[in-house]
Amino acid sequence: MSLARIKQVLTHLEEAKDVVFQIVQMNTSRNGDTAYIVRPITFEPIDKMKSFLLEIRDKYLDSKKGLDKMFSACIAYDGSADGKNVYYLETDNALIQKEYDLLLEALAAPAVEQDPLLMKAIASMITFSIEDDGEILPVKLISMQNPITTLKHKFFCNKGRFEEFSEKVLNLRTSIDVIIVVDKVYFLTMAGEKLFNMERAYKKLCADYVVSIKDSGIIVNVDGFTDVALHGHNPRRFVAYNKKNLEQLQNSNTRERIAKLFSVKLTDGKLDATDPKDAERIVKILCNKGMTDPFREEAMEVSGARKWS
C-alpha cells in the first residue's frame, strides 16, 4: 500500500466537517484491561480547529519536508519499527480490535463534565469527516502527547510589566502519530502503539504461539526456548510469526538444512535451544527475521520480510 491514501485524506482537510478536538486518557488495570476517557474541548473562536487542520495539512504535504520525505513506504504492521515506514492495521485486527472498540465507546459517551486540566491524558485527537468521490469518510488524527502542560519561565505583559504565568494550558501540536481512516489505522510513529496497549496484545500472541511451537516436538530444551521467546524484543517479533515456517521445520531434512544455514545447534535431529543465542535464532527463523543473501547464500537478519514484487 502506498502513502497516497493518507495524502488524499490530508488534501481534503480544508473541507473537513464536524471537527472536534478531544483529550484522551487511558487507564490500564493490573490485569491488563484498558479503559478510555474522552473529553471534547470547545475553542474560542470556534473555527480555530479548521485553521489548525490546515497547518497539519501544509506540514505533511510540504514538498520538501512532508510525507514523501519522511517515509518511503506504507506497509502492513509486522512488529518491526523502521522509522522510514508507515505501518497500518485493520481495526478488526486482534492486536487492536478490543481497545479500538473501547475507544469508540468512549467517543460515543464523552466525559463532558470532566475537568480537562486534571486529566492524566496520553493523547489528543481530532475527529472529523471528509467527502471523497461521494463517500463520507470518518477520520481521526491522534497525537500521542499530553496536550495539557504547565508553563515554566513564561511571562505575560500586564500594563507594561511582565508577570510570570505558571498555570496549566492546552498545547496544540501539529505532529501526528496515528491516523485512522474508516477501518484502517496508520502508525506514522511507533508511539501510536501505546494508544491500543499493543505490548499486552503481542505478548499474548507470543505466549499462544510458543505453546504451538513447544507442542511441535522440533525443539530440545523447550523451557530454555520459552524463556527466551517471552522476553526482550522477542514478543514483538512474534507479530510476524509464520506458521508455515513451523510446519516446514517439522521435516527433518528441512530442519537440518535450516540449522546449518542459520548456525543453530542440532541435537538428535532437533533444534537445540539450550544456548540462548540459538533460541533467539529459532525465534527469528519462525518470525521471518532470517533470510539469505541472494549473492552469497549466507544467513542474514532482517527487520521484516514481504513478498517480492
Protein backbone atom coordinates (compact mmCIF):
# COMPACT_ATOMS: atom_id res chain seq x y z
CA MET A 1 0.00 0.00 0.00
CA SER A 2 1.32 3.45 -0.89
CA LEU A 3 1.18 6.71 1.01
CA ALA A 4 -1.39 8.00 -1.48
CA ARG A 5 -4.37 7.20 0.77
CA ILE A 6 -3.01 9.31 3.64
CA LYS A 7 -2.10 12.16 1.30
CA GLN A 8 -5.56 12.01 -0.22
CA VAL A 9 -7.15 12.45 3.22
CA LEU A 10 -4.84 15.34 4.13
CA THR A 11 -5.64 17.05 0.84
CA HIS A 12 -9.31 17.24 1.87
CA LEU A 13 -8.72 18.75 5.33
CA GLU A 14 -9.97 22.14 4.21
CA GLU A 15 -13.38 20.55 3.64
CA ALA A 16 -13.49 18.73 7.00
CA LYS A 17 -16.89 18.64 8.69
CA ASP A 18 -17.97 18.08 12.30
CA VAL A 19 -14.47 18.85 13.58
CA VAL A 20 -13.97 18.06 17.28
CA PHE A 21 -10.79 18.27 19.35
CA GLN A 22 -10.64 15.74 22.18
CA ILE A 23 -8.34 14.87 25.07
CA VAL A 24 -7.79 11.15 25.62
CA GLN A 25 -6.98 9.47 28.93
CA MET A 26 -6.21 5.74 29.03
CA ASN A 27 -6.40 3.71 32.22
CA THR A 28 -4.86 0.24 32.42
CA SER A 29 -5.69 -2.13 35.26
CA ARG A 30 -3.25 -4.59 36.83
CA ASN A 31 -4.75 -7.44 34.81
CA GLY A 32 -4.16 -5.52 31.58
CA ASP A 33 -7.71 -4.31 30.90
CA THR A 34 -7.97 -0.93 29.22
CA ALA A 35 -10.47 1.89 29.64
CA TYR A 36 -10.63 5.30 27.95
CA ILE A 37 -11.95 8.70 28.97
CA VAL A 38 -12.52 11.21 26.18
CA ARG A 39 -13.13 14.90 26.86
CA PRO A 40 -14.15 17.18 23.94
CA ILE A 41 -12.82 20.74 24.01
CA THR A 42 -14.63 23.87 22.87
CA PHE A 43 -12.49 26.64 21.39
CA GLU A 44 -12.91 30.36 21.05
CA PRO A 45 -13.00 31.32 18.25
CA ILE A 46 -14.99 28.25 17.30
CA ASP A 47 -13.32 27.88 13.89
CA LYS A 48 -9.84 27.55 15.42
CA MET A 49 -9.69 23.83 14.61
CA LYS A 50 -10.28 24.48 10.91
CA SER A 51 -7.21 26.70 10.65
CA PHE A 52 -5.22 24.24 12.78
CA LEU A 53 -6.09 21.38 10.41
CA LEU A 54 -4.70 23.42 7.54
CA GLU A 55 -1.41 23.77 9.43
CA ILE A 56 -1.27 19.98 9.74
CA ARG A 57 -2.09 19.60 6.05
CA ASP A 58 0.63 22.03 5.00
CA LYS A 59 3.19 20.34 7.25
CA TYR A 60 2.64 16.81 5.93
CA LEU A 61 2.09 17.73 2.28
CA ASP A 62 5.13 20.00 2.11
CA SER A 63 7.18 19.01 -0.93
CA LYS A 64 10.50 19.42 0.89
CA LYS A 65 9.78 18.06 4.39
CA GLY A 66 6.41 16.31 4.15
CA LEU A 67 5.26 12.69 3.97
CA ASP A 68 7.20 11.87 0.81
CA LYS A 69 10.45 12.91 2.51
CA MET A 70 9.61 11.43 5.91
CA PHE A 71 8.58 7.97 4.71
CA SER A 72 9.46 5.56 1.93
CA ALA A 73 6.55 3.10 2.16
CA CYS A 74 3.27 2.20 3.83
CA ILE A 75 3.26 -1.48 4.84
CA ALA A 76 1.28 -3.90 6.97
CA TYR A 77 2.24 -3.81 10.65
CA ASP A 78 4.71 -6.63 11.34
CA GLY A 79 6.24 -5.67 14.68
CA SER A 80 9.29 -4.02 13.15
CA ALA A 81 9.95 -0.36 13.84
CA ASP A 82 11.59 1.15 10.78
CA GLY A 83 11.17 4.92 11.07
CA LYS A 84 11.01 5.23 7.27
CA ASN A 85 7.81 3.18 7.08
CA VAL A 86 4.21 3.97 7.89
CA TYR A 87 2.59 0.81 9.30
CA TYR A 88 -1.10 0.03 9.01
CA LEU A 89 -3.59 -2.35 10.61
CA GLU A 90 -7.26 -3.07 10.05
CA THR A 91 -9.38 -2.06 13.03
CA ASP A 92 -10.57 -5.67 13.40
CA ASN A 93 -7.01 -6.97 13.78
CA ALA A 94 -6.61 -8.97 17.00
CA LEU A 95 -3.74 -6.71 18.07
CA ILE A 96 -6.01 -3.68 18.44
CA GLN A 97 -9.64 -4.71 18.00
CA LYS A 98 -10.61 -4.79 21.67
CA GLU A 99 -9.00 -1.46 22.53
CA TYR A 100 -10.27 0.17 19.35
CA ASP A 101 -13.85 -0.82 20.18
CA LEU A 102 -13.41 0.53 23.72
CA LEU A 103 -12.09 3.80 22.31
CA LEU A 104 -15.15 4.10 20.06
CA GLU A 105 -17.39 3.54 23.08
CA ALA A 106 -15.61 6.36 24.91
CA LEU A 107 -16.02 8.65 21.91
CA ALA A 108 -19.74 7.85 21.83
CA ALA A 109 -20.10 8.79 25.53
CA PRO A 110 -17.68 11.70 26.09
CA ALA A 111 -16.90 12.86 29.63
CA VAL A 112 -18.12 16.43 29.10
CA GLU A 113 -18.12 17.21 32.84
CA GLN A 114 -14.52 16.09 33.36
CA ASP A 115 -12.05 18.85 34.21
CA PRO A 116 -9.53 18.63 31.31
CA LEU A 117 -6.78 20.23 33.39
CA LEU A 118 -6.98 17.39 35.91
CA MET A 119 -6.97 14.56 33.38
CA LYS A 120 -3.93 12.29 33.03
CA ALA A 121 -4.13 12.45 29.28
CA ILE A 122 -1.88 10.44 26.98
CA ALA A 123 -3.05 11.90 23.68
CA SER A 124 -5.15 14.43 21.81
CA MET A 125 -7.47 13.51 18.97
CA ILE A 126 -9.16 15.49 16.22
CA THR A 127 -12.20 13.73 14.78
CA PHE A 128 -13.99 14.85 11.62
CA SER A 129 -15.34 13.60 8.33
CA ILE A 130 -14.42 14.32 4.74
CA GLU A 131 -16.06 13.51 1.43
CA ASP A 132 -14.10 11.61 -1.20
CA ASP A 133 -15.68 10.57 -4.50
CA GLY A 134 -19.12 10.95 -2.95
CA GLU A 135 -18.22 8.79 0.08
CA ILE A 136 -18.23 10.19 3.62
CA LEU A 137 -15.09 9.09 5.44
CA PRO A 138 -14.68 9.36 9.23
CA VAL A 139 -11.12 10.39 10.15
CA LYS A 140 -9.19 10.64 13.41
CA LEU A 141 -5.83 12.39 13.80
CA ILE A 142 -4.05 11.46 17.02
CA SER A 143 -1.02 13.00 18.70
CA MET A 144 0.49 10.79 21.41
CA GLN A 145 1.47 13.52 23.84
CA ASN A 146 -0.39 15.01 26.75
CA PRO A 147 -1.81 18.28 25.39
CA ILE A 148 -2.11 19.73 28.90
CA THR A 149 1.15 21.26 30.02
CA THR A 150 2.41 23.59 32.75
CA LEU A 151 4.33 26.60 31.53
CA LYS A 152 7.67 27.34 33.15
CA HIS A 153 9.65 30.56 32.84
CA LYS A 154 6.87 32.13 30.78
CA PHE A 155 5.69 35.70 31.32
CA PHE A 156 2.75 37.77 30.07
CA CYS A 157 2.52 41.51 29.77
CA ASN A 158 0.21 43.22 32.23
CA LYS A 159 0.06 47.03 31.90
CA GLY A 160 3.66 47.25 30.82
CA ARG A 161 5.03 44.78 33.38
CA PHE A 162 5.82 41.13 32.68
CA GLU A 163 4.34 38.74 35.21
CA GLU A 164 5.10 35.03 35.49
CA PHE A 165 2.46 32.69 34.10
CA SER A 166 2.69 29.17 35.52
CA GLU A 167 -0.84 27.84 35.03
CA LYS A 168 -1.72 24.74 33.06
CA VAL A 169 -2.53 25.35 29.40
CA LEU A 170 -3.75 23.38 26.39
CA ASN A 171 -0.95 22.97 23.85
CA LEU A 172 -1.85 22.13 20.25
CA ARG A 173 0.72 20.08 18.33
CA THR A 174 0.82 19.61 14.57
CA SER A 175 2.79 16.35 14.90
CA ILE A 176 0.57 13.33 14.25
CA ASP A 177 1.38 9.78 15.40
CA VAL A 178 -1.75 7.90 14.28
CA ILE A 179 -4.27 8.44 11.50
CA ILE A 180 -7.46 6.37 11.45
CA VAL A 181 -9.43 6.43 8.20
CA VAL A 182 -12.67 4.43 8.30
CA ASP A 183 -11.39 0.94 9.26
CA LYS A 184 -7.63 1.37 8.81
CA VAL A 185 -5.15 2.57 11.42
CA TYR A 186 -1.93 4.14 10.15
CA PHE A 187 1.04 4.44 12.50
CA LEU A 188 3.25 7.35 11.49
CA THR A 189 5.34 6.68 14.59
CA MET A 190 5.58 3.73 16.97
CA ALA A 191 4.30 5.97 19.78
CA GLY A 192 0.87 5.06 18.44
CA GLU A 193 1.22 1.53 19.80
CA LYS A 194 0.63 2.88 23.30
CA LEU A 195 -2.86 4.08 22.37
CA PHE A 196 -4.00 0.49 21.90
CA ASN A 197 -1.90 -1.09 24.66
CA MET A 198 -0.29 -3.19 21.94
CA GLU A 199 2.52 -4.53 24.11
CA ARG A 200 -0.09 -6.54 26.04
CA ALA A 201 -1.55 -7.82 22.77
CA TYR A 202 1.64 -9.05 21.15
CA LYS A 203 2.83 -10.64 24.40
CA LYS A 204 -0.39 -12.67 24.44
CA LEU A 205 0.09 -13.66 20.79
CA CYS A 206 3.64 -14.68 21.58
CA ALA A 207 2.55 -16.86 24.51
CA ASP A 208 -0.06 -18.60 22.33
CA TYR A 209 2.40 -19.27 19.52
CA VAL A 210 5.06 -20.57 21.90
CA VAL A 211 2.64 -23.27 23.09
CA SER A 212 2.21 -24.49 19.49
CA ILE A 213 5.96 -24.45 18.92
CA LYS A 214 6.62 -26.45 22.11
CA ASP A 215 3.97 -28.99 21.09
CA SER A 216 5.54 -29.43 17.64
CA GLY A 217 8.34 -31.58 19.05
CA ILE A 218 11.09 -29.99 16.97
CA ILE A 219 12.97 -28.30 19.82
CA VAL A 220 15.31 -29.60 22.50
CA ASN A 221 15.09 -27.71 25.81
CA VAL A 222 11.67 -26.15 25.32
CA ASP A 223 11.93 -24.40 28.69
CA GLY A 224 15.02 -22.52 27.55
CA PHE A 225 13.30 -21.63 24.28
CA THR A 226 10.19 -20.40 26.12
CA ASP A 227 12.20 -18.20 28.45
CA VAL A 228 13.96 -16.50 25.55
CA ALA A 229 10.85 -16.22 23.37
CA LEU A 230 8.78 -14.49 26.05
CA HIS A 231 11.33 -11.81 26.94
CA GLY A 232 13.13 -8.83 25.45
CA HIS A 233 12.28 -7.89 21.86
CA ASN A 234 11.06 -11.38 21.01
CA PRO A 235 7.34 -10.99 21.85
CA ARG A 236 7.26 -8.12 19.35
CA ARG A 237 8.92 -10.32 16.73
CA PHE A 238 6.05 -12.78 17.02
CA VAL A 239 3.72 -10.27 15.36
CA ALA A 240 5.31 -11.58 12.14
CA TYR A 241 5.20 -15.25 13.23
CA ASN A 242 4.83 -17.54 10.21
CA LYS A 243 3.00 -20.81 10.89
CA LYS A 244 4.24 -22.23 7.59
CA ASN A 245 7.82 -21.95 8.80
CA LEU A 246 6.99 -24.18 11.75
CA GLU A 247 5.23 -26.68 9.51
CA GLN A 248 8.25 -26.92 7.21
CA LEU A 249 10.63 -27.32 10.13
CA GLN A 250 8.78 -30.49 11.10
CA ASN A 251 10.54 -32.10 8.16
CA SER A 252 13.89 -33.46 9.39
CA ASN A 253 15.73 -32.65 6.15
CA THR A 254 14.47 -29.08 6.22
CA ARG A 255 15.48 -28.75 9.87
CA GLU A 256 18.99 -29.94 9.10
CA ARG A 257 19.34 -27.50 6.20
CA ILE A 258 17.98 -24.52 8.13
CA ALA A 259 20.05 -25.32 11.22
CA LYS A 260 23.21 -25.41 9.15
CA LEU A 261 22.35 -22.20 7.28
CA PHE A 262 21.49 -20.19 10.42
CA SER A 263 24.09 -21.77 12.74
CA VAL A 264 21.62 -23.41 15.13
CA LYS A 265 22.82 -26.46 17.04
CA LEU A 266 21.08 -29.78 16.31
CA THR A 267 20.70 -32.49 18.94
CA ASP A 268 19.21 -35.82 17.87
CA GLY A 269 17.90 -34.11 14.75
CA LYS A 270 16.09 -31.37 16.71
CA LEU A 271 16.79 -27.64 17.09
CA ASP A 272 18.64 -27.21 20.38
CA ALA A 273 17.59 -24.12 22.39
CA THR A 274 19.95 -24.72 25.30
CA ASP A 275 22.13 -21.80 24.24
CA PRO A 276 20.05 -18.57 24.44
CA LYS A 277 21.66 -17.39 21.20
CA ASP A 278 20.35 -20.48 19.42
CA ALA A 279 16.93 -19.99 21.00
CA GLU A 280 16.80 -16.44 19.67
CA ARG A 281 17.90 -17.61 16.22
CA ILE A 282 14.99 -20.07 16.22
CA VAL A 283 12.61 -17.21 17.08
CA LYS A 284 13.96 -15.15 14.18
CA ILE A 285 13.62 -18.06 11.77
CA LEU A 286 10.00 -18.64 12.78
CA CYS A 287 9.15 -14.93 12.62
CA ASN A 288 10.56 -14.08 9.17
CA LYS A 289 13.56 -12.26 10.59
CA GLY A 290 16.08 -14.61 8.99
CA MET A 291 16.70 -14.60 5.22
CA THR A 292 19.56 -15.43 2.87
CA ASP A 293 21.81 -13.14 0.87
CA PRO A 294 20.93 -13.85 -2.82
CA PHE A 295 24.54 -13.45 -3.94
CA ARG A 296 26.47 -15.31 -1.27
CA GLU A 297 23.71 -17.58 0.09
CA GLU A 298 24.65 -16.54 3.60
CA ALA A 299 22.26 -16.12 6.52
CA MET A 300 21.11 -12.55 7.11
CA GLU A 301 18.97 -10.95 9.82
CA VAL A 302 16.24 -8.65 8.50
CA SER A 303 13.76 -6.37 10.25
CA GLY A 304 10.88 -7.73 8.20
CA ALA A 305 10.12 -9.67 5.03
CA ARG A 306 7.43 -9.13 2.42
CA LYS A 307 6.55 -10.87 -0.84
CA TRP A 308 8.81 -9.78 -3.65
CA SER A 309 7.09 -7.56 -6.23
